[in-house]
Amino acid sequence: MTDLSGKTALVTGSLQGIGLAVATALAGAGARIAVHGIGGDAQIHEVCEGLRHAGSPQAEFFAGDLRNADRIDDLMAAVAAWGGADIVVNNAGIQHTAPLAEMPRDAWDAILAVNLSAAFHTMQAALPGMADRGYGRVVNIASVQGLIGSVQKGPYVAAKHGLVGLSKVAALEYAAAGDRAKGGVTVNCICPGWTETAIIAPQIEARAAAFDGDRDKGIADLLAEKQPTQRMSDPAEIGALALWLCDPVAHNVTGTAIPVDGGWTAQ
């Protein structure tokens, strides 16, 4: 089993969905968790308590508006003062669907900021320290849409493609850091297909409307269109993969973009 005792992980957007599932998996391996996201005090308290119950020796909330580079600097400085991030999981993401001709400019700016630029800023802050320690992991939660195109998702697709490319650059720049015994420094993307998270709720609702509001039929229609297994992924499955990537045994897995998409990109 992966042992992350003594390691600290920052997981952005970890109050729900994939981020929370990843944080829970890392907590179960003994990592300290720097929790981040948008939520009320009660939700933050519940998540931190849950992560401690899962096995994390410490789980604390760190605020930071990912649309603002200065606030990201503040976030990373606070995590550094807490001991520094051995693991960074860039999970936070936002979405807006519309044709290119109708896409609001502010939606483009916000999606690129949160889904791409924020990862640049967190990596820029964290990777040098990881290299100094000889162990570090960046796991960027991209998307199947970082590998293919999709209508009405221009900024999201652009950001996720950019995230995959940026991760390859970072992986190459830090490939020689550390050694096998310590685990080295790796940077990888996980590219989920349809996964049961809140971000796809509007798409499910829109598809369900074509079936008189039947949500199950709407989901089935979405899956049949893209995902050959016709099964959604559970966020915990993404968490399990992220945990494995953080194991020292994965020291030679770097610069990858791993689809978890039921065969979507194999077509």
C-alpha atoms as a PDB file:
ATOM      1  CA  MET A   1       0.000   0.000   0.000  1.00  0.00           C
ATOM      2  CA  THR A   2       1.128   3.546  -0.716  1.00  0.00           C
ATOM      3  CA  ASP A   3       2.545   5.267   2.360  1.00  0.00           C
ATOM      4  CA  LEU A   4       2.485   9.055   2.242  1.00  0.00           C
ATOM      5  CA  SER A   5       3.268   9.592   5.919  1.00  0.00           C
ATOM      6  CA  GLY A   6       5.173  12.840   6.366  1.00  0.00           C
ATOM      7  CA  LYS A   7       3.994  14.189   3.009  1.00  0.00           C
ATOM      8  CA  THR A   8       1.773  17.242   2.520  1.00  0.00           C
ATOM      9  CA  ALA A   9      -0.713  17.465  -0.349  1.00  0.00           C
ATOM     10  CA  LEU A  10      -2.496  20.548  -1.650  1.00  0.00           C
ATOM     11  CA  VAL A  11      -5.651  19.592  -3.535  1.00  0.00           C
ATOM     12  CA  THR A  12      -7.460  22.487  -5.160  1.00  0.00           C
ATOM     13  CA  GLY A  13     -11.223  22.260  -5.371  1.00  0.00           C
ATOM     14  CA  SER A  14     -11.244  19.561  -2.703  1.00  0.00           C
ATOM     15  CA  LEU A  15     -14.543  20.330  -0.990  1.00  0.00           C
ATOM     16  CA  GLN A  16     -16.481  18.076  -3.370  1.00  0.00           C
ATOM     17  CA  GLY A  17     -16.350  15.778  -6.383  1.00  0.00           C
ATOM     18  CA  ILE A  18     -13.080  14.505  -7.802  1.00  0.00           C
ATOM     19  CA  GLY A  19     -11.025  16.825  -5.615  1.00  0.00           C
ATOM     20  CA  LEU A  20     -12.563  15.484  -2.422  1.00  0.00           C
ATOM     21  CA  ALA A  21     -12.148  11.901  -3.653  1.00  0.00           C
ATOM     22  CA  VAL A  22      -8.460  12.510  -4.383  1.00  0.00           C
ATOM     23  CA  ALA A  23      -7.951  14.207  -1.022  1.00  0.00           C
ATOM     24  CA  THR A  24      -9.644  11.270   0.714  1.00  0.00           C
ATOM     25  CA  ALA A  25      -7.406   8.749  -1.059  1.00  0.00           C
ATOM     26  CA  LEU A  26      -4.265  10.690  -0.109  1.00  0.00           C
ATOM     27  CA  ALA A  27      -5.516  11.089   3.460  1.00  0.00           C
ATOM     28  CA  GLY A  28      -5.987   7.334   3.668  1.00  0.00           C
ATOM     29  CA  ALA A  29      -2.295   6.943   2.831  1.00  0.00           C
ATOM     30  CA  GLY A  30      -1.339   9.234   5.709  1.00  0.00           C
ATOM     31  CA  ALA A  31      -0.728  12.549   3.920  1.00  0.00           C
ATOM     32  CA  ARG A  32      -1.471  15.900   5.490  1.00  0.00           C
ATOM     33  CA  ILE A  33      -4.106  17.614   3.357  1.00  0.00           C
ATOM     34  CA  ALA A  34      -4.266  21.303   2.501  1.00  0.00           C
ATOM     35  CA  VAL A  35      -7.937  21.632   1.612  1.00  0.00           C
ATOM     36  CA  HIS A  36      -9.044  24.309  -0.841  1.00  0.00           C
ATOM     37  CA  GLY A  37     -12.276  25.294  -2.521  1.00  0.00           C
ATOM     38  CA  ILE A  38     -15.420  27.380  -2.345  1.00  0.00           C
ATOM     39  CA  GLY A  39     -17.790  26.530   0.492  1.00  0.00           C
ATOM     40  CA  GLY A  40     -19.285  27.612   3.769  1.00  0.00           C
ATOM     41  CA  ASP A  41     -17.818  27.068   7.209  1.00  0.00           C
ATOM     42  CA  ALA A  42     -19.969  24.013   7.901  1.00  0.00           C
ATOM     43  CA  GLN A  43     -18.902  22.284   4.687  1.00  0.00           C
ATOM     44  CA  ILE A  44     -15.242  23.115   5.282  1.00  0.00           C
ATOM     45  CA  HIS A  45     -15.430  21.737   8.821  1.00  0.00           C
ATOM     46  CA  GLU A  46     -17.162  18.567   7.638  1.00  0.00           C
ATOM     47  CA  VAL A  47     -14.594  17.920   4.901  1.00  0.00           C
ATOM     48  CA  CYS A  48     -11.586  18.501   7.158  1.00  0.00           C
ATOM     49  CA  GLU A  49     -13.067  16.244   9.838  1.00  0.00           C
ATOM     50  CA  GLY A  50     -13.797  13.581   7.237  1.00  0.00           C
ATOM     51  CA  LEU A  51     -10.227  13.656   5.942  1.00  0.00           C
ATOM     52  CA  ARG A  52      -8.835  13.301   9.461  1.00  0.00           C
ATOM     53  CA  HIS A  53     -11.170  10.369  10.009  1.00  0.00           C
ATOM     54  CA  ALA A  54      -9.917   8.860   6.723  1.00  0.00           C
ATOM     55  CA  GLY A  55      -6.360   8.853   8.059  1.00  0.00           C
ATOM     56  CA  SER A  56      -4.841  12.292   7.554  1.00  0.00           C
ATOM     57  CA  PRO A  57      -2.853  13.487  10.589  1.00  0.00           C
ATOM     58  CA  GLN A  58      -3.813  17.057   9.689  1.00  0.00           C
ATOM     59  CA  ALA A  59      -6.355  18.571   7.332  1.00  0.00           C
ATOM     60  CA  GLU A  60      -6.659  22.341   7.215  1.00  0.00           C
ATOM     61  CA  PHE A  61      -8.435  24.753   4.878  1.00  0.00           C
ATOM     62  CA  PHE A  62      -6.505  27.264   2.779  1.00  0.00           C
ATOM     63  CA  ALA A  63      -8.366  29.988   0.892  1.00  0.00           C
ATOM     64  CA  GLY A  64      -7.372  31.322  -2.511  1.00  0.00           C
ATOM     65  CA  ASP A  65      -9.232  32.751  -5.507  1.00  0.00           C
ATOM     66  CA  LEU A  66      -7.762  30.871  -8.466  1.00  0.00           C
ATOM     67  CA  ARG A  67      -8.823  33.606 -10.881  1.00  0.00           C
ATOM     68  CA  ASN A  68      -6.298  35.939  -9.278  1.00  0.00           C
ATOM     69  CA  ALA A  69      -2.544  35.284  -9.489  1.00  0.00           C
ATOM     70  CA  ASP A  70      -1.832  37.349  -6.381  1.00  0.00           C
ATOM     71  CA  ARG A  71      -4.309  35.285  -4.344  1.00  0.00           C
ATOM     72  CA  ILE A  72      -2.661  32.100  -5.635  1.00  0.00           C
ATOM     73  CA  ASP A  73       0.687  33.469  -4.456  1.00  0.00           C
ATOM     74  CA  ASP A  74      -0.880  34.010  -1.027  1.00  0.00           C
ATOM     75  CA  LEU A  75      -2.283  30.454  -1.061  1.00  0.00           C
ATOM     76  CA  MET A  76       1.066  28.904  -1.933  1.00  0.00           C
ATOM     77  CA  ALA A  77       2.883  31.048   0.641  1.00  0.00           C
ATOM     78  CA  ALA A  78       0.453  29.874   3.331  1.00  0.00           C
ATOM     79  CA  VAL A  79       0.965  26.231   2.344  1.00  0.00           C
ATOM     80  CA  ALA A  80       4.746  26.781   2.324  1.00  0.00           C
ATOM     81  CA  ALA A  81       4.545  28.174   5.848  1.00  0.00           C
ATOM     82  CA  TRP A  82       2.591  25.044   6.834  1.00  0.00           C
ATOM     83  CA  GLY A  83       5.497  22.901   5.650  1.00  0.00           C
ATOM     84  CA  GLY A  84       5.298  23.066   1.867  1.00  0.00           C
ATOM     85  CA  ALA A  85       3.520  20.910  -0.684  1.00  0.00           C
ATOM     86  CA  ASP A  86       5.138  17.609  -1.594  1.00  0.00           C
ATOM     87  CA  ILE A  87       2.071  16.860  -3.733  1.00  0.00           C
ATOM     88  CA  VAL A  88      -0.034  19.327  -5.704  1.00  0.00           C
ATOM     89  CA  VAL A  89      -3.265  18.193  -7.299  1.00  0.00           C
ATOM     90  CA  ASN A  90      -4.669  20.868  -9.584  1.00  0.00           C
ATOM     91  CA  ASN A  91      -8.281  19.788  -9.670  1.00  0.00           C
ATOM     92  CA  ALA A  92     -10.385  22.951  -9.409  1.00  0.00           C
ATOM     93  CA  GLY A  93     -12.249  23.695 -12.611  1.00  0.00           C
ATOM     94  CA  ILE A  94     -15.206  25.607 -13.992  1.00  0.00           C
ATOM     95  CA  GLN A  95     -17.241  25.191 -17.148  1.00  0.00           C
ATOM     96  CA  HIS A  96     -19.557  27.181 -19.395  1.00  0.00           C
ATOM     97  CA  THR A  97     -21.087  25.788 -22.565  1.00  0.00           C
ATOM     98  CA  ALA A  98     -21.995  27.946 -25.548  1.00  0.00           C
ATOM     99  CA  PRO A  99     -21.098  28.200 -29.242  1.00  0.00           C
ATOM    100  CA  LEU A 100     -17.949  30.184 -30.004  1.00  0.00           C
ATOM    101  CA  ALA A 101     -19.995  33.008 -31.488  1.00  0.00           C
ATOM    102  CA  GLU A 102     -21.980  33.335 -28.256  1.00  0.00           C
ATOM    103  CA  MET A 103     -19.316  32.576 -25.636  1.00  0.00           C
ATOM    104  CA  PRO A 104     -19.104  35.483 -23.166  1.00  0.00           C
ATOM    105  CA  ARG A 105     -15.651  37.010 -22.964  1.00  0.00           C
ATOM    106  CA  ASP A 106     -15.678  36.886 -19.183  1.00  0.00           C
ATOM    107  CA  ALA A 107     -16.422  33.146 -19.317  1.00  0.00           C
ATOM    108  CA  TRP A 108     -13.364  32.620 -21.532  1.00  0.00           C
ATOM    109  CA  ASP A 109     -11.185  34.634 -19.156  1.00  0.00           C
ATOM    110  CA  ALA A 110     -12.438  32.880 -16.018  1.00  0.00           C
ATOM    111  CA  ILE A 111     -12.191  29.350 -17.437  1.00  0.00           C
ATOM    112  CA  LEU A 112      -8.643  29.895 -18.718  1.00  0.00           C
ATOM    113  CA  ALA A 113      -7.648  31.434 -15.387  1.00  0.00           C
ATOM    114  CA  VAL A 114      -9.020  28.664 -13.165  1.00  0.00           C
ATOM    115  CA  ASN A 115      -8.459  25.635 -15.407  1.00  0.00           C
ATOM    116  CA  LEU A 116      -5.024  26.523 -16.806  1.00  0.00           C
ATOM    117  CA  SER A 117      -3.275  29.592 -15.423  1.00  0.00           C
ATOM    118  CA  ALA A 118      -3.861  28.553 -11.806  1.00  0.00           C
ATOM    119  CA  ALA A 119      -1.987  25.304 -12.431  1.00  0.00           C
ATOM    120  CA  PHE A 120       0.926  27.252 -13.886  1.00  0.00           C
ATOM    121  CA  HIS A 121       1.108  29.407 -10.766  1.00  0.00           C
ATOM    122  CA  THR A 122       0.868  26.507  -8.297  1.00  0.00           C
ATOM    123  CA  MET A 123       3.499  24.485 -10.177  1.00  0.00           C
ATOM    124  CA  GLN A 124       5.830  27.453 -10.470  1.00  0.00           C
ATOM    125  CA  ALA A 125       5.638  27.912  -6.703  1.00  0.00           C
ATOM    126  CA  ALA A 126       5.838  24.244  -5.662  1.00  0.00           C
ATOM    127  CA  LEU A 127       8.156  22.446  -8.077  1.00  0.00           C
ATOM    128  CA  PRO A 128      11.487  23.978  -6.990  1.00  0.00           C
ATOM    129  CA  GLY A 129      10.920  22.815  -3.409  1.00  0.00           C
ATOM    130  CA  MET A 130       9.947  19.360  -4.618  1.00  0.00           C
ATOM    131  CA  ALA A 131      13.190  19.168  -6.591  1.00  0.00           C
ATOM    132  CA  ASP A 132      15.206  20.208  -3.543  1.00  0.00           C
ATOM    133  CA  ARG A 133      13.597  17.423  -1.479  1.00  0.00           C
ATOM    134  CA  GLY A 134      14.026  14.824  -4.221  1.00  0.00           C
ATOM    135  CA  TYR A 135      10.351  13.863  -4.162  1.00  0.00           C
ATOM    136  CA  GLY A 136       7.361  15.643  -5.597  1.00  0.00           C
ATOM    137  CA  ARG A 137       4.157  14.925  -7.413  1.00  0.00           C
ATOM    138  CA  VAL A 138       1.965  17.152  -9.525  1.00  0.00           C
ATOM    139  CA  VAL A 139      -1.254  15.537 -10.650  1.00  0.00           C
ATOM    140  CA  ASN A 140      -3.283  17.778 -12.935  1.00  0.00           C
ATOM    141  CA  ILE A 141      -6.900  16.794 -13.396  1.00  0.00           C
ATOM    142  CA  ALA A 142      -7.353  17.550 -17.071  1.00  0.00           C
ATOM    143  CA  SER A 143     -10.181  15.930 -19.035  1.00  0.00           C
ATOM    144  CA  VAL A 144     -10.859  13.737 -22.011  1.00  0.00           C
ATOM    145  CA  GLN A 145     -11.431  17.148 -23.590  1.00  0.00           C
ATOM    146  CA  GLY A 146      -7.758  17.869 -23.116  1.00  0.00           C
ATOM    147  CA  LEU A 147      -7.223  15.175 -25.766  1.00  0.00           C
ATOM    148  CA  ILE A 148     -10.092  15.739 -28.197  1.00  0.00           C
ATOM    149  CA  GLY A 149     -12.413  18.564 -29.243  1.00  0.00           C
ATOM    150  CA  SER A 150     -16.027  19.127 -28.302  1.00  0.00           C
ATOM    151  CA  VAL A 151     -18.605  21.579 -29.558  1.00  0.00           C
ATOM    152  CA  GLN A 152     -19.746  24.469 -27.351  1.00  0.00           C
ATOM    153  CA  LYS A 153     -16.809  24.045 -24.966  1.00  0.00           C
ATOM    154  CA  GLY A 154     -14.182  26.260 -26.582  1.00  0.00           C
ATOM    155  CA  PRO A 155     -12.538  27.724 -23.472  1.00  0.00           C
ATOM    156  CA  TYR A 156     -12.733  24.454 -21.521  1.00  0.00           C
ATOM    157  CA  VAL A 157     -11.171  22.434 -24.342  1.00  0.00           C
ATOM    158  CA  ALA A 158      -8.511  25.095 -24.897  1.00  0.00           C
ATOM    159  CA  ALA A 159      -7.648  25.180 -21.189  1.00  0.00           C
ATOM    160  CA  LYS A 160      -7.468  21.408 -20.827  1.00  0.00           C
ATOM    161  CA  HIS A 161      -5.339  20.991 -23.962  1.00  0.00           C
ATOM    162  CA  GLY A 162      -3.087  23.708 -22.569  1.00  0.00           C
ATOM    163  CA  LEU A 163      -2.895  21.925 -19.223  1.00  0.00           C
ATOM    164  CA  VAL A 164      -1.758  18.703 -20.907  1.00  0.00           C
ATOM    165  CA  GLY A 165       0.939  20.584 -22.826  1.00  0.00           C
ATOM    166  CA  LEU A 166       2.084  22.577 -19.799  1.00  0.00           C
ATOM    167  CA  SER A 167       2.349  19.358 -17.782  1.00  0.00           C
ATOM    168  CA  LYS A 168       4.630  17.817 -20.417  1.00  0.00           C
ATOM    169  CA  VAL A 169       6.951  20.822 -20.242  1.00  0.00           C
ATOM    170  CA  ALA A 170       7.094  20.701 -16.437  1.00  0.00           C
ATOM    171  CA  ALA A 171       7.656  16.922 -16.500  1.00  0.00           C
ATOM    172  CA  LEU A 172      10.653  17.341 -18.799  1.00  0.00           C
ATOM    173  CA  GLU A 173      12.152  20.216 -16.843  1.00  0.00           C
ATOM    174  CA  TYR A 174      12.051  18.259 -13.561  1.00  0.00           C
ATOM    175  CA  ALA A 175      12.593  14.730 -14.906  1.00  0.00           C
ATOM    176  CA  ALA A 176      16.109  14.387 -13.467  1.00  0.00           C
ATOM    177  CA  ALA A 177      15.251  15.655  -9.979  1.00  0.00           C
ATOM    178  CA  GLY A 178      15.586  13.167  -7.151  1.00  0.00           C
ATOM    179  CA  ASP A 179      16.171   9.453  -7.601  1.00  0.00           C
ATOM    180  CA  ARG A 180      14.337   6.135  -7.532  1.00  0.00           C
ATOM    181  CA  ALA A 181      14.732   5.700  -3.773  1.00  0.00           C
ATOM    182  CA  LYS A 182      13.200   9.085  -2.961  1.00  0.00           C
ATOM    183  CA  GLY A 183      10.659   8.871  -5.784  1.00  0.00           C
ATOM    184  CA  GLY A 184      11.782  11.716  -8.004  1.00  0.00           C
ATOM    185  CA  VAL A 185       9.568  14.523  -9.231  1.00  0.00           C
ATOM    186  CA  THR A 186       6.805  13.722 -11.688  1.00  0.00           C
ATOM    187  CA  VAL A 187       4.066  15.700 -13.405  1.00  0.00           C
ATOM    188  CA  ASN A 188       1.099  13.907 -14.935  1.00  0.00           C
ATOM    189  CA  CYS A 189      -2.442  14.546 -16.103  1.00  0.00           C
ATOM    190  CA  ILE A 190      -5.490  12.422 -15.453  1.00  0.00           C
ATOM    191  CA  CYS A 191      -8.086  12.836 -18.194  1.00  0.00           C
ATOM    192  CA  PRO A 192     -11.517  11.679 -16.989  1.00  0.00           C
ATOM    193  CA  GLY A 193     -14.419  11.086 -19.311  1.00  0.00           C
ATOM    194  CA  TRP A 194     -17.957  11.166 -17.957  1.00  0.00           C
ATOM    195  CA  THR A 195     -17.623  11.175 -14.176  1.00  0.00           C
ATOM    196  CA  GLU A 196     -20.357  11.668 -11.598  1.00  0.00           C
ATOM    197  CA  THR A 197     -19.600  15.226 -10.495  1.00  0.00           C
ATOM    198  CA  ALA A 198     -21.487  18.491 -10.145  1.00  0.00           C
ATOM    199  CA  ILE A 199     -19.721  20.118 -13.112  1.00  0.00           C
ATOM    200  CA  ILE A 200     -21.629  17.950 -15.610  1.00  0.00           C
ATOM    201  CA  ALA A 201     -25.027  18.445 -13.947  1.00  0.00           C
ATOM    202  CA  PRO A 202     -26.146  21.131 -16.454  1.00  0.00           C
ATOM    203  CA  GLN A 203     -25.343  18.820 -19.376  1.00  0.00           C
ATOM    204  CA  ILE A 204     -27.265  15.968 -17.768  1.00  0.00           C
ATOM    205  CA  GLU A 205     -30.249  18.226 -17.126  1.00  0.00           C
ATOM    206  CA  ALA A 206     -30.203  19.478 -20.711  1.00  0.00           C
ATOM    207  CA  ARG A 207     -30.092  15.921 -22.067  1.00  0.00           C
ATOM    208  CA  ALA A 208     -32.778  14.735 -19.617  1.00  0.00           C
ATOM    209  CA  ALA A 209     -35.110  17.450 -20.911  1.00  0.00           C
ATOM    210  CA  ALA A 210     -35.225  15.591 -24.215  1.00  0.00           C
ATOM    211  CA  PHE A 211     -36.606  12.586 -22.321  1.00  0.00           C
ATOM    212  CA  ASP A 212     -39.330  14.407 -20.373  1.00  0.00           C
ATOM    213  CA  GLY A 213     -36.978  15.049 -17.468  1.00  0.00           C
ATOM    214  CA  ASP A 214     -35.888  11.425 -17.050  1.00  0.00           C
ATOM    215  CA  ARG A 215     -32.357  11.825 -15.631  1.00  0.00           C
ATOM    216  CA  ASP A 216     -31.372   8.185 -16.073  1.00  0.00           C
ATOM    217  CA  LYS A 217     -32.303   8.276 -19.746  1.00  0.00           C
ATOM    218  CA  GLY A 218     -30.418  11.530 -20.169  1.00  0.00           C
ATOM    219  CA  ILE A 219     -27.275  10.014 -18.669  1.00  0.00           C
ATOM    220  CA  ALA A 220     -27.631   6.897 -20.805  1.00  0.00           C
ATOM    221  CA  ASP A 221     -27.925   9.055 -23.909  1.00  0.00           C
ATOM    222  CA  LEU A 222     -24.776  10.992 -23.006  1.00  0.00           C
ATOM    223  CA  LEU A 223     -22.819   7.804 -22.396  1.00  0.00           C
ATOM    224  CA  ALA A 224     -24.008   6.097 -25.563  1.00  0.00           C
ATOM    225  CA  GLU A 225     -22.825   9.060 -27.602  1.00  0.00           C
ATOM    226  CA  LYS A 226     -19.221   9.136 -26.347  1.00  0.00           C
ATOM    227  CA  GLN A 227     -18.194   6.501 -23.787  1.00  0.00           C
ATOM    228  CA  PRO A 228     -18.130   2.932 -25.180  1.00  0.00           C
ATOM    229  CA  THR A 229     -18.312   1.212 -21.787  1.00  0.00           C
ATOM    230  CA  GLN A 230     -21.557   3.140 -21.181  1.00  0.00           C
ATOM    231  CA  ARG A 231     -20.520   3.437 -17.533  1.00  0.00           C
ATOM    232  CA  MET A 232     -19.807   6.625 -15.609  1.00  0.00           C
ATOM    233  CA  SER A 233     -16.666   6.781 -13.500  1.00  0.00           C
ATOM    234  CA  ASP A 234     -16.939   7.317  -9.763  1.00  0.00           C
ATOM    235  CA  PRO A 235     -14.714  10.096  -8.364  1.00  0.00           C
ATOM    236  CA  ALA A 236     -13.123   7.554  -6.004  1.00  0.00           C
ATOM    237  CA  GLU A 237     -11.716   5.758  -9.048  1.00  0.00           C
ATOM    238  CA  ILE A 238      -9.898   8.940 -10.069  1.00  0.00           C
ATOM    239  CA  GLY A 239      -8.675   9.248  -6.486  1.00  0.00           C
ATOM    240  CA  ALA A 240      -7.222   5.736  -6.613  1.00  0.00           C
ATOM    241  CA  LEU A 241      -5.252   6.543  -9.770  1.00  0.00           C
ATOM    242  CA  ALA A 242      -3.972   9.822  -8.317  1.00  0.00           C
ATOM    243  CA  LEU A 243      -2.829   7.957  -5.213  1.00  0.00           C
ATOM    244  CA  TRP A 244      -0.881   5.439  -7.300  1.00  0.00           C
ATOM    245  CA  LEU A 245       0.812   8.236  -9.233  1.00  0.00           C
ATOM    246  CA  CYS A 246       1.996   9.638  -5.890  1.00  0.00           C
ATOM    247  CA  ASP A 247       3.650   6.377  -4.878  1.00  0.00           C
ATOM    248  CA  PRO A 248       7.459   6.368  -5.217  1.00  0.00           C
ATOM    249  CA  VAL A 249       7.075   3.282  -7.437  1.00  0.00           C
ATOM    250  CA  ALA A 250       5.649   5.618 -10.108  1.00  0.00           C
ATOM    251  CA  HIS A 251       8.944   7.549 -10.355  1.00  0.00           C
ATOM    252  CA  ASN A 252       9.232   6.837 -14.097  1.00  0.00           C
ATOM    253  CA  VAL A 253       5.643   7.734 -14.955  1.00  0.00           C
ATOM    254  CA  THR A 254       5.874  11.382 -15.929  1.00  0.00           C
ATOM    255  CA  GLY A 255       4.629  13.613 -18.725  1.00  0.00           C
ATOM    256  CA  THR A 256       1.608  11.389 -19.317  1.00  0.00           C
ATOM    257  CA  ALA A 257      -2.058  12.196 -19.927  1.00  0.00           C
ATOM    258  CA  ILE A 258      -3.941   9.137 -18.704  1.00  0.00           C
ATOM    259  CA  PRO A 259      -7.511   8.757 -19.991  1.00  0.00           C
ATOM    260  CA  VAL A 260     -10.140   7.318 -17.659  1.00  0.00           C
ATOM    261  CA  ASP A 261     -12.812   7.499 -20.302  1.00  0.00           C
ATOM    262  CA  GLY A 262     -14.312   4.074 -21.011  1.00  0.00           C
ATOM    263  CA  GLY A 263     -12.644   3.918 -24.417  1.00  0.00           C
ATOM    264  CA  TRP A 264     -13.791   7.374 -25.564  1.00  0.00           C
ATOM    265  CA  THR A 265     -10.401   8.394 -26.970  1.00  0.00           C
ATOM    266  CA  ALA A 266      -9.716   4.901 -28.378  1.00  0.00           C
ATOM    267  CA  GLN A 267     -12.342   5.448 -31.079  1.00  0.00           C
END
